[in-house]
Amino acid sequence: WHEYTGKDCIIDKGGDEADKEMAGQCNFSFVNGYFATFNF
């Protein structure tokens, strides 16, 4: 991926225990002007 300049990430559900569900989203803004959103 290109170098990113920031954005945000949120964990909506779980995230601290194995065998449990985790859900959220991370957003990235890149130096080339593009953006990407990763839902999980």
PDB file of all heavy atoms in Angstrom:
ATOM      1  N   TRP A   1       0.847  -1.192   0.000  1.00  0.00           N
ATOM      2  CA  TRP A   1       0.000   0.000   0.000  1.00  0.00           C
ATOM      3  C   TRP A   1       0.879   1.237   0.000  1.00  0.00           C
ATOM      4  O   TRP A   1       2.002   1.224   0.504  1.00  0.00           O
ATOM      5  CB  TRP A   1      -0.903   0.000   1.239  1.00  0.00           C
ATOM      6  CG  TRP A   1      -1.917  -1.072   1.206  1.00  0.00           C
ATOM      7  CD1 TRP A   1      -1.794  -2.320   1.737  1.00  0.00           C
ATOM      8  CD2 TRP A   1      -3.202  -1.017   0.594  1.00  0.00           C
ATOM      9  NE1 TRP A   1      -2.936  -3.047   1.492  1.00  0.00           N
ATOM     10  CE2 TRP A   1      -3.824  -2.268   0.791  1.00  0.00           C
ATOM     11  CE3 TRP A   1      -3.895  -0.039  -0.099  1.00  0.00           C
ATOM     12  CZ2 TRP A   1      -5.093  -2.564   0.323  1.00  0.00           C
ATOM     13  CZ3 TRP A   1      -5.170  -0.327  -0.566  1.00  0.00           C
ATOM     14  CH2 TRP A   1      -5.744  -1.569  -0.349  1.00  0.00           C
ATOM     15  N   HIS A   2       0.364   2.330  -0.515  1.00  0.00           N
ATOM     16  CA  HIS A   2       1.077   3.600  -0.432  1.00  0.00           C
ATOM     17  C   HIS A   2       1.154   4.017   1.032  1.00  0.00           C
ATOM     18  O   HIS A   2       0.388   3.550   1.877  1.00  0.00           O
ATOM     19  CB  HIS A   2       0.333   4.686  -1.226  1.00  0.00           C
ATOM     20  CG  HIS A   2       0.421   4.501  -2.694  1.00  0.00           C
ATOM     21  ND1 HIS A   2       1.515   4.883  -3.427  1.00  0.00           N
ATOM     22  CD2 HIS A   2      -0.439   3.947  -3.582  1.00  0.00           C
ATOM     23  CE1 HIS A   2       1.329   4.598  -4.687  1.00  0.00           C
ATOM     24  NE2 HIS A   2       0.141   4.025  -4.819  1.00  0.00           N
ATOM     25  N   GLU A   3       2.051   4.938   1.313  1.00  0.00           N
ATOM     26  CA  GLU A   3       2.149   5.489   2.668  1.00  0.00           C
ATOM     27  C   GLU A   3       0.845   6.207   2.987  1.00  0.00           C
ATOM     28  O   GLU A   3       0.266   6.877   2.144  1.00  0.00           O
ATOM     29  CB  GLU A   3       3.319   6.464   2.721  1.00  0.00           C
ATOM     30  CG  GLU A   3       3.596   6.999   4.097  1.00  0.00           C
ATOM     31  CD  GLU A   3       4.797   7.935   4.101  1.00  0.00           C
ATOM     32  OE1 GLU A   3       5.701   7.759   3.270  1.00  0.00           O
ATOM     33  OE2 GLU A   3       4.793   8.849   4.937  1.00  0.00           O
ATOM     34  N   TYR A   4       0.383   6.051   4.211  1.00  0.00           N
ATOM     35  CA  TYR A   4      -0.860   6.729   4.595  1.00  0.00           C
ATOM     36  C   TYR A   4      -0.571   7.844   5.585  1.00  0.00           C
ATOM     37  O   TYR A   4       0.416   7.813   6.305  1.00  0.00           O
ATOM     38  CB  TYR A   4      -1.908   5.748   5.132  1.00  0.00           C
ATOM     39  CG  TYR A   4      -1.455   4.856   6.265  1.00  0.00           C
ATOM     40  CD1 TYR A   4      -1.676   5.215   7.581  1.00  0.00           C
ATOM     41  CD2 TYR A   4      -0.818   3.653   6.009  1.00  0.00           C
ATOM     42  CE1 TYR A   4      -1.267   4.401   8.618  1.00  0.00           C
ATOM     43  CE2 TYR A   4      -0.412   2.828   7.046  1.00  0.00           C
ATOM     44  CZ  TYR A   4      -0.631   3.202   8.342  1.00  0.00           C
ATOM     45  OH  TYR A   4      -0.218   2.395   9.368  1.00  0.00           O
ATOM     46  N   THR A   5      -1.444   8.829   5.558  1.00  0.00           N
ATOM     47  CA  THR A   5      -1.252  10.031   6.377  1.00  0.00           C
ATOM     48  C   THR A   5      -2.153  10.050   7.600  1.00  0.00           C
ATOM     49  O   THR A   5      -2.082  10.963   8.399  1.00  0.00           O
ATOM     50  CB  THR A   5      -1.534  11.294   5.549  1.00  0.00           C
ATOM     51  OG1 THR A   5      -2.871  11.228   5.041  1.00  0.00           O
ATOM     52  CG2 THR A   5      -0.561  11.409   4.390  1.00  0.00           C
ATOM     53  N   GLY A   6      -3.023   9.033   7.729  1.00  0.00           N
ATOM     54  CA  GLY A   6      -3.889   8.957   8.890  1.00  0.00           C
ATOM     55  C   GLY A   6      -5.316   8.687   8.516  1.00  0.00           C
ATOM     56  O   GLY A   6      -5.645   8.418   7.380  1.00  0.00           O
ATOM     57  N   LYS A   7      -6.163   8.712   9.458  1.00  0.00           N
ATOM     58  CA  LYS A   7      -7.619   8.655   9.415  1.00  0.00           C
ATOM     59  C   LYS A   7      -8.063   8.084  10.750  1.00  0.00           C
ATOM     60  O   LYS A   7      -7.638   8.569  11.767  1.00  0.00           O
ATOM     61  CB  LYS A   7      -8.159   7.883   8.224  1.00  0.00           C
ATOM     62  CG  LYS A   7      -9.606   8.229   7.881  1.00  0.00           C
ATOM     63  CD  LYS A   7      -9.791   9.668   7.447  1.00  0.00           C
ATOM     64  CE  LYS A   7     -11.219   9.978   7.105  1.00  0.00           C
ATOM     65  NZ  LYS A   7     -11.810  10.989   7.908  1.00  0.00           N
ATOM     66  N   ASP A   8      -8.858   6.980  10.762  1.00  0.00           N
ATOM     67  CA  ASP A   8      -9.393   6.506  12.038  1.00  0.00           C
ATOM     68  C   ASP A   8      -9.717   5.015  12.016  1.00  0.00           C
ATOM     69  O   ASP A   8      -9.738   4.392  10.962  1.00  0.00           O
ATOM     70  CB  ASP A   8     -10.638   7.295  12.428  1.00  0.00           C
ATOM     71  CG  ASP A   8     -11.703   7.269  11.349  1.00  0.00           C
ATOM     72  OD1 ASP A   8     -12.035   6.183  10.840  1.00  0.00           O
ATOM     73  OD2 ASP A   8     -12.213   8.345  11.012  1.00  0.00           O
ATOM     74  N   CYS A   9      -9.963   4.490  13.197  1.00  0.00           N
ATOM     75  CA  CYS A   9     -10.304   3.077  13.356  1.00  0.00           C
ATOM     76  C   CYS A   9     -11.211   2.962  14.589  1.00  0.00           C
ATOM     77  O   CYS A   9     -10.960   3.596  15.609  1.00  0.00           O
ATOM     78  CB  CYS A   9      -9.029   2.273  13.559  1.00  0.00           C
ATOM     79  SG  CYS A   9      -9.224   0.491  13.419  1.00  0.00           S
ATOM     80  N   ILE A  10     -12.268   2.173  14.461  1.00  0.00           N
ATOM     81  CA  ILE A  10     -13.178   1.948  15.586  1.00  0.00           C
ATOM     82  C   ILE A  10     -13.436   0.454  15.736  1.00  0.00           C
ATOM     83  O   ILE A  10     -13.569  -0.261  14.753  1.00  0.00           O
ATOM     84  CB  ILE A  10     -14.508   2.721  15.432  1.00  0.00           C
ATOM     85  CG1 ILE A  10     -15.354   2.554  16.695  1.00  0.00           C
ATOM     86  CG2 ILE A  10     -15.258   2.282  14.187  1.00  0.00           C
ATOM     87  CD1 ILE A  10     -16.510   3.512  16.809  1.00  0.00           C
ATOM     88  N   ILE A  11     -13.462   0.001  16.973  1.00  0.00           N
ATOM     89  CA  ILE A  11     -13.845  -1.382  17.266  1.00  0.00           C
ATOM     90  C   ILE A  11     -15.222  -1.316  17.910  1.00  0.00           C
ATOM     91  O   ILE A  11     -15.372  -0.852  19.035  1.00  0.00           O
ATOM     92  CB  ILE A  11     -12.816  -2.080  18.170  1.00  0.00           C
ATOM     93  CG1 ILE A  11     -11.468  -2.118  17.454  1.00  0.00           C
ATOM     94  CG2 ILE A  11     -13.300  -3.480  18.540  1.00  0.00           C
ATOM     95  CD1 ILE A  11     -10.337  -2.698  18.245  1.00  0.00           C
ATOM     96  N   ASP A  12     -16.227  -1.745  17.143  1.00  0.00           N
ATOM     97  CA  ASP A  12     -17.616  -1.674  17.598  1.00  0.00           C
ATOM     98  C   ASP A  12     -17.991  -2.798  18.554  1.00  0.00           C
ATOM     99  O   ASP A  12     -18.860  -2.629  19.405  1.00  0.00           O
ATOM    100  CB  ASP A  12     -18.578  -1.745  16.405  1.00  0.00           C
ATOM    101  CG  ASP A  12     -18.422  -0.559  15.480  1.00  0.00           C
ATOM    102  OD1 ASP A  12     -18.340   0.568  15.984  1.00  0.00           O
ATOM    103  OD2 ASP A  12     -18.384  -0.776  14.262  1.00  0.00           O
ATOM    104  N   LYS A  13     -17.351  -3.962  18.370  1.00  0.00           N
ATOM    105  CA  LYS A  13     -17.751  -5.134  19.136  1.00  0.00           C
ATOM    106  C   LYS A  13     -16.537  -5.980  19.472  1.00  0.00           C
ATOM    107  O   LYS A  13     -15.688  -6.227  18.615  1.00  0.00           O
ATOM    108  CB  LYS A  13     -18.743  -5.963  18.305  1.00  0.00           C
ATOM    109  CG  LYS A  13     -19.273  -7.184  19.004  1.00  0.00           C
ATOM    110  CD  LYS A  13     -20.320  -7.872  18.148  1.00  0.00           C
ATOM    111  CE  LYS A  13     -20.914  -9.051  18.909  1.00  0.00           C
ATOM    112  NZ  LYS A  13     -21.897  -9.751  18.099  1.00  0.00           N
ATOM    113  N   GLY A  14     -16.450  -6.429  20.726  1.00  0.00           N
ATOM    114  CA  GLY A  14     -15.414  -7.360  21.156  1.00  0.00           C
ATOM    115  C   GLY A  14     -14.019  -6.806  21.027  1.00  0.00           C
ATOM    116  O   GLY A  14     -13.783  -5.614  21.161  1.00  0.00           O
ATOM    117  N   GLY A  15     -13.082  -7.750  20.769  1.00  0.00           N
ATOM    118  CA  GLY A  15     -11.710  -7.352  20.531  1.00  0.00           C
ATOM    119  C   GLY A  15     -10.722  -7.693  21.606  1.00  0.00           C
ATOM    120  O   GLY A  15      -9.524  -7.505  21.437  1.00  0.00           O
ATOM    121  N   ASP A  16     -11.191  -8.218  22.721  1.00  0.00           N
ATOM    122  CA  ASP A  16     -10.245  -8.490  23.799  1.00  0.00           C
ATOM    123  C   ASP A  16     -10.293  -9.917  24.322  1.00  0.00           C
ATOM    124  O   ASP A  16      -9.748 -10.199  25.377  1.00  0.00           O
ATOM    125  CB  ASP A  16     -10.458  -7.504  24.946  1.00  0.00           C
ATOM    126  CG  ASP A  16     -11.884  -7.487  25.464  1.00  0.00           C
ATOM    127  OD1 ASP A  16     -12.724  -8.239  24.952  1.00  0.00           O
ATOM    128  OD2 ASP A  16     -12.137  -6.701  26.378  1.00  0.00           O
ATOM    129  N   GLU A  17     -10.925 -10.831  23.570  1.00  0.00           N
ATOM    130  CA  GLU A  17     -11.018 -12.210  24.048  1.00  0.00           C
ATOM    131  C   GLU A  17     -11.049 -13.173  22.863  1.00  0.00           C
ATOM    132  O   GLU A  17     -11.829 -13.000  21.928  1.00  0.00           O
ATOM    133  CB  GLU A  17     -12.287 -12.377  24.884  1.00  0.00           C
ATOM    134  CG  GLU A  17     -12.337 -13.651  25.668  1.00  0.00           C
ATOM    135  CD  GLU A  17     -13.553 -13.719  26.589  1.00  0.00           C
ATOM    136  OE1 GLU A  17     -14.173 -12.681  26.866  1.00  0.00           O
ATOM    137  OE2 GLU A  17     -13.873 -14.841  27.004  1.00  0.00           O
ATOM    138  N   ALA A  18     -10.166 -14.198  22.911  1.00  0.00           N
ATOM    139  CA  ALA A  18     -10.118 -15.208  21.852  1.00  0.00           C
ATOM    140  C   ALA A  18     -11.433 -15.974  21.789  1.00  0.00           C
ATOM    141  O   ALA A  18     -12.131 -16.122  22.797  1.00  0.00           O
ATOM    142  CB  ALA A  18      -8.970 -16.176  22.104  1.00  0.00           C
ATOM    143  N   ASP A  19     -11.759 -16.442  20.592  1.00  0.00           N
ATOM    144  CA  ASP A  19     -12.976 -17.216  20.314  1.00  0.00           C
ATOM    145  C   ASP A  19     -14.257 -16.398  20.461  1.00  0.00           C
ATOM    146  O   ASP A  19     -15.338 -16.956  20.585  1.00  0.00           O
ATOM    147  CB  ASP A  19     -13.047 -18.483  21.172  1.00  0.00           C
ATOM    148  CG  ASP A  19     -11.846 -19.386  20.960  1.00  0.00           C
ATOM    149  OD1 ASP A  19     -11.403 -19.528  19.803  1.00  0.00           O
ATOM    150  OD2 ASP A  19     -11.345 -19.961  21.944  1.00  0.00           O
ATOM    151  N   LYS A  20     -14.133 -15.085  20.467  1.00  0.00           N
ATOM    152  CA  LYS A  20     -15.294 -14.188  20.504  1.00  0.00           C
ATOM    153  C   LYS A  20     -15.282 -13.331  19.247  1.00  0.00           C
ATOM    154  O   LYS A  20     -14.249 -13.096  18.633  1.00  0.00           O
ATOM    155  CB  LYS A  20     -15.251 -13.272  21.734  1.00  0.00           C
ATOM    156  CG  LYS A  20     -15.278 -14.003  23.052  1.00  0.00           C
ATOM    157  CD  LYS A  20     -16.658 -14.527  23.345  1.00  0.00           C
ATOM    158  CE  LYS A  20     -16.665 -15.160  24.729  1.00  0.00           C
ATOM    159  NZ  LYS A  20     -17.935 -15.671  25.106  1.00  0.00           N
ATOM    160  N   GLU A  21     -16.455 -12.818  18.871  1.00  0.00           N
ATOM    161  CA  GLU A  21     -16.553 -11.993  17.676  1.00  0.00           C
ATOM    162  C   GLU A  21     -15.974 -10.600  17.916  1.00  0.00           C
ATOM    163  O   GLU A  21     -16.078 -10.038  18.999  1.00  0.00           O
ATOM    164  CB  GLU A  21     -18.012 -11.861  17.228  1.00  0.00           C
ATOM    165  CG  GLU A  21     -18.153 -11.150  15.910  1.00  0.00           C
ATOM    166  CD  GLU A  21     -19.588 -11.030  15.443  1.00  0.00           C
ATOM    167  OE1 GLU A  21     -20.471 -11.704  16.000  1.00  0.00           O
ATOM    168  OE2 GLU A  21     -19.821 -10.247  14.519  1.00  0.00           O
ATOM    169  N   MET A  22     -15.375 -10.072  16.861  1.00  0.00           N
ATOM    170  CA  MET A  22     -14.857  -8.708  16.870  1.00  0.00           C
ATOM    171  C   MET A  22     -15.341  -8.038  15.594  1.00  0.00           C
ATOM    172  O   MET A  22     -15.347  -8.646  14.527  1.00  0.00           O
ATOM    173  CB  MET A  22     -13.334  -8.715  16.893  1.00  0.00           C
ATOM    174  CG  MET A  22     -12.714  -7.346  16.846  1.00  0.00           C
ATOM    175  SD  MET A  22     -10.926  -7.487  17.017  1.00  0.00           S
ATOM    176  CE  MET A  22     -10.412  -6.006  16.222  1.00  0.00           C
ATOM    177  N   ALA A  23     -15.783  -6.794  15.680  1.00  0.00           N
ATOM    178  CA  ALA A  23     -16.263  -6.075  14.500  1.00  0.00           C
ATOM    179  C   ALA A  23     -15.857  -4.613  14.597  1.00  0.00           C
ATOM    180  O   ALA A  23     -15.736  -4.060  15.688  1.00  0.00           O
ATOM    181  CB  ALA A  23     -17.780  -6.192  14.382  1.00  0.00           C
ATOM    182  N   GLY A  24     -15.653  -4.015  13.435  1.00  0.00           N
ATOM    183  CA  GLY A  24     -15.303  -2.603  13.399  1.00  0.00           C
ATOM    184  C   GLY A  24     -14.929  -2.155  12.006  1.00  0.00           C
ATOM    185  O   GLY A  24     -15.256  -2.810  11.014  1.00  0.00           O
ATOM    186  N   GLN A  25     -14.191  -1.054  11.955  1.00  0.00           N
ATOM    187  CA  GLN A  25     -13.829  -0.465  10.668  1.00  0.00           C
ATOM    188  C   GLN A  25     -12.576   0.391  10.830  1.00  0.00           C
ATOM    189  O   GLN A  25     -12.440   1.114  11.812  1.00  0.00           O
ATOM    190  CB  GLN A  25     -14.969   0.405  10.180  1.00  0.00           C
ATOM    191  CG  GLN A  25     -14.707   1.144   8.900  1.00  0.00           C
ATOM    192  CD  GLN A  25     -15.925   1.940   8.479  1.00  0.00           C
ATOM    193  OE1 GLN A  25     -17.033   1.423   8.456  1.00  0.00           O
ATOM    194  NE2 GLN A  25     -15.731   3.208   8.167  1.00  0.00           N
ATOM    195  N   CYS A  26     -11.674   0.296   9.851  1.00  0.00           N
ATOM    196  CA  CYS A  26     -10.507   1.168   9.798  1.00  0.00           C
ATOM    197  C   CYS A  26     -10.518   1.913   8.471  1.00  0.00           C
ATOM    198  O   CYS A  26     -10.794   1.325   7.424  1.00  0.00           O
ATOM    199  CB  CYS A  26      -9.207   0.373   9.923  1.00  0.00           C
ATOM    200  SG  CYS A  26      -8.931  -0.313  11.565  1.00  0.00           S
ATOM    201  N   ASN A  27     -10.243   3.200   8.524  1.00  0.00           N
ATOM    202  CA  ASN A  27     -10.209   4.066   7.342  1.00  0.00           C
ATOM    203  C   ASN A  27      -8.809   4.649   7.216  1.00  0.00           C
ATOM    204  O   ASN A  27      -8.223   5.075   8.212  1.00  0.00           O
ATOM    205  CB  ASN A  27     -11.215   5.205   7.492  1.00  0.00           C
ATOM    206  CG  ASN A  27     -12.613   4.687   7.677  1.00  0.00           C
ATOM    207  OD1 ASN A  27     -13.196   4.148   6.757  1.00  0.00           O
ATOM    208  ND2 ASN A  27     -13.160   4.846   8.880  1.00  0.00           N
ATOM    209  N   PHE A  28      -8.295   4.673   5.989  1.00  0.00           N
ATOM    210  CA  PHE A  28      -6.956   5.180   5.729  1.00  0.00           C
ATOM    211  C   PHE A  28      -7.011   6.243   4.644  1.00  0.00           C
ATOM    212  O   PHE A  28      -7.719   6.088   3.652  1.00  0.00           O
ATOM    213  CB  PHE A  28      -6.031   4.049   5.253  1.00  0.00           C
ATOM    214  CG  PHE A  28      -5.781   2.994   6.285  1.00  0.00           C
ATOM    215  CD1 PHE A  28      -6.659   1.927   6.430  1.00  0.00           C
ATOM    216  CD2 PHE A  28      -4.676   3.056   7.119  1.00  0.00           C
ATOM    217  CE1 PHE A  28      -6.442   0.954   7.380  1.00  0.00           C
ATOM    218  CE2 PHE A  28      -4.448   2.086   8.077  1.00  0.00           C
ATOM    219  CZ  PHE A  28      -5.339   1.030   8.205  1.00  0.00           C
ATOM    220  N   SER A  29      -6.258   7.323   4.812  1.00  0.00           N
ATOM    221  CA  SER A  29      -6.063   8.305   3.744  1.00  0.00           C
ATOM    222  C   SER A  29      -4.592   8.220   3.347  1.00  0.00           C
ATOM    223  O   SER A  29      -3.700   8.208   4.196  1.00  0.00           O
ATOM    224  CB  SER A  29      -6.437   9.712   4.208  1.00  0.00           C
ATOM    225  OG  SER A  29      -5.702  10.088   5.340  1.00  0.00           O
ATOM    226  N   PHE A  30      -4.356   8.131   2.031  1.00  0.00           N
ATOM    227  CA  PHE A  30      -3.014   7.897   1.517  1.00  0.00           C
ATOM    228  C   PHE A  30      -2.402   9.166   0.940  1.00  0.00           C
ATOM    229  O   PHE A  30      -3.117  10.093   0.530  1.00  0.00           O
ATOM    230  CB  PHE A  30      -3.061   6.807   0.428  1.00  0.00           C
ATOM    231  CG  PHE A  30      -3.528   5.481   0.953  1.00  0.00           C
ATOM    232  CD1 PHE A  30      -4.862   5.111   0.830  1.00  0.00           C
ATOM    233  CD2 PHE A  30      -2.658   4.611   1.582  1.00  0.00           C
ATOM    234  CE1 PHE A  30      -5.314   3.898   1.312  1.00  0.00           C
ATOM    235  CE2 PHE A  30      -3.092   3.399   2.073  1.00  0.00           C
ATOM    236  CZ  PHE A  30      -4.428   3.036   1.934  1.00  0.00           C
ATOM    237  N   VAL A  31      -1.081   9.192   0.867  1.00  0.00           N
ATOM    238  CA  VAL A  31      -0.368  10.366   0.358  1.00  0.00           C
ATOM    239  C   VAL A  31      -0.697  10.654  -1.108  1.00  0.00           C
ATOM    240  O   VAL A  31      -0.545  11.789  -1.560  1.00  0.00           O
ATOM    241  CB  VAL A  31       1.165  10.224   0.536  1.00  0.00           C
ATOM    242  CG1 VAL A  31       1.542  10.198   2.003  1.00  0.00           C
ATOM    243  CG2 VAL A  31       1.690   9.005  -0.190  1.00  0.00           C
ATOM    244  N   ASN A  32      -1.170   9.653  -1.846  1.00  0.00           N
ATOM    245  CA  ASN A  32      -1.506   9.858  -3.261  1.00  0.00           C
ATOM    246  C   ASN A  32      -2.932  10.381  -3.449  1.00  0.00           C
ATOM    247  O   ASN A  32      -3.415  10.480  -4.571  1.00  0.00           O
ATOM    248  CB  ASN A  32      -1.309   8.573  -4.062  1.00  0.00           C
ATOM    249  CG  ASN A  32      -2.227   7.448  -3.619  1.00  0.00           C
ATOM    250  OD1 ASN A  32      -2.999   7.599  -2.678  1.00  0.00           O
ATOM    251  ND2 ASN A  32      -2.127   6.319  -4.288  1.00  0.00           N
ATOM    252  N   GLY A  33      -3.641  10.695  -2.337  1.00  0.00           N
ATOM    253  CA  GLY A  33      -4.978  11.256  -2.420  1.00  0.00           C
ATOM    254  C   GLY A  33      -6.106  10.244  -2.332  1.00  0.00           C
ATOM    255  O   GLY A  33      -7.267  10.623  -2.245  1.00  0.00           O
ATOM    256  N   TYR A  34      -5.781   8.952  -2.345  1.00  0.00           N
ATOM    257  CA  TYR A  34      -6.809   7.919  -2.266  1.00  0.00           C
ATOM    258  C   TYR A  34      -7.184   7.635  -0.816  1.00  0.00           C
ATOM    259  O   TYR A  34      -6.450   7.956   0.116  1.00  0.00           O
ATOM    260  CB  TYR A  34      -6.333   6.623  -2.925  1.00  0.00           C
ATOM    261  CG  TYR A  34      -6.322   6.690  -4.427  1.00  0.00           C
ATOM    262  CD1 TYR A  34      -5.165   7.047  -5.115  1.00  0.00           C
ATOM    263  CD2 TYR A  34      -7.465   6.407  -5.155  1.00  0.00           C
ATOM    264  CE1 TYR A  34      -5.158   7.119  -6.495  1.00  0.00           C
ATOM    265  CE2 TYR A  34      -7.464   6.475  -6.533  1.00  0.00           C
ATOM    266  CZ  TYR A  34      -6.310   6.825  -7.198  1.00  0.00           C
ATOM    267  OH  TYR A  34      -6.304   6.891  -8.560  1.00  0.00           O
ATOM    268  N   PHE A  35      -8.352   7.009  -0.643  1.00  0.00           N
ATOM    269  CA  PHE A  35      -8.842   6.593   0.660  1.00  0.00           C
ATOM    270  C   PHE A  35      -9.224   5.118   0.576  1.00  0.00           C
ATOM    271  O   PHE A  35      -9.590   4.635  -0.496  1.00  0.00           O
ATOM    272  CB  PHE A  35     -10.084   7.395   1.074  1.00  0.00           C
ATOM    273  CG  PHE A  35      -9.820   8.859   1.250  1.00  0.00           C
ATOM    274  CD1 PHE A  35      -9.959   9.729   0.188  1.00  0.00           C
ATOM    275  CD2 PHE A  35      -9.421   9.357   2.480  1.00  0.00           C
ATOM    276  CE1 PHE A  35      -9.709  11.088   0.333  1.00  0.00           C
ATOM    277  CE2 PHE A  35      -9.171  10.716   2.638  1.00  0.00           C
ATOM    278  CZ  PHE A  35      -9.315  11.574   1.563  1.00  0.00           C
ATOM    279  N   ALA A  36      -9.158   4.413   1.700  1.00  0.00           N
ATOM    280  CA  ALA A  36      -9.600   3.013   1.749  1.00  0.00           C
ATOM    281  C   ALA A  36     -10.307   2.775   3.074  1.00  0.00           C
ATOM    282  O   ALA A  36      -9.896   3.297   4.114  1.00  0.00           O
ATOM    283  CB  ALA A  36      -8.422   2.058   1.609  1.00  0.00           C
ATOM    284  N   THR A  37     -11.373   1.997   3.009  1.00  0.00           N
ATOM    285  CA  THR A  37     -12.120   1.601   4.198  1.00  0.00           C
ATOM    286  C   THR A  37     -12.083   0.088   4.306  1.00  0.00           C
ATOM    287  O   THR A  37     -12.372  -0.613   3.343  1.00  0.00           O
ATOM    288  CB  THR A  37     -13.585   2.070   4.110  1.00  0.00           C
ATOM    289  OG1 THR A  37     -13.607   3.502   4.102  1.00  0.00           O
ATOM    290  CG2 THR A  37     -14.393   1.565   5.295  1.00  0.00           C
ATOM    291  N   PHE A  38     -11.704  -0.415   5.467  1.00  0.00           N
ATOM    292  CA  PHE A  38     -11.660  -1.845   5.734  1.00  0.00           C
ATOM    293  C   PHE A  38     -12.650  -2.159   6.851  1.00  0.00           C
ATOM    294  O   PHE A  38     -12.465  -1.727   7.987  1.00  0.00           O
ATOM    295  CB  PHE A  38     -10.261  -2.275   6.177  1.00  0.00           C
ATOM    296  CG  PHE A  38      -9.216  -2.132   5.104  1.00  0.00           C
ATOM    297  CD1 PHE A  38      -8.546  -0.933   4.931  1.00  0.00           C
ATOM    298  CD2 PHE A  38      -8.918  -3.199   4.271  1.00  0.00           C
ATOM    299  CE1 PHE A  38      -7.586  -0.791   3.946  1.00  0.00           C
ATOM    300  CE2 PHE A  38      -7.961  -3.077   3.290  1.00  0.00           C
ATOM    301  CZ  PHE A  38      -7.290  -1.863   3.118  1.00  0.00           C
ATOM    302  N   ASN A  39     -13.719  -2.859   6.511  1.00  0.00           N
ATOM    303  CA  ASN A  39     -14.672  -3.330   7.514  1.00  0.00           C
ATOM    304  C   ASN A  39     -14.256  -4.718   7.947  1.00  0.00           C
ATOM    305  O   ASN A  39     -13.748  -5.496   7.138  1.00  0.00           O
ATOM    306  CB  ASN A  39     -16.085  -3.383   6.927  1.00  0.00           C
ATOM    307  CG  ASN A  39     -16.586  -2.002   6.581  1.00  0.00           C
ATOM    308  OD1 ASN A  39     -16.683  -1.150   7.438  1.00  0.00           O
ATOM    309  ND2 ASN A  39     -16.881  -1.776   5.316  1.00  0.00           N
ATOM    310  N   PHE A  40     -14.478  -5.031   9.210  1.00  0.00           N
ATOM    311  CA  PHE A  40     -14.170  -6.378   9.663  1.00  0.00           C
ATOM    312  C   PHE A  40     -15.231  -6.867  10.629  1.00  0.00           C
ATOM    313  O   PHE A  40     -15.803  -6.109  11.406  1.00  0.00           O
ATOM    314  CB  PHE A  40     -12.775  -6.476  10.293  1.00  0.00           C
ATOM    315  CG  PHE A  40     -12.480  -5.438  11.352  1.00  0.00           C
ATOM    316  CD1 PHE A  40     -12.757  -5.683  12.672  1.00  0.00           C
ATOM    317  CD2 PHE A  40     -11.901  -4.224  11.001  1.00  0.00           C
ATOM    318  CE1 PHE A  40     -12.471  -4.751  13.650  1.00  0.00           C
ATOM    319  CE2 PHE A  40     -11.614  -3.270  11.966  1.00  0.00           C
ATOM    320  CZ  PHE A  40     -11.895  -3.540  13.294  1.00  0.00           C
TER     321      PHE A  40
END
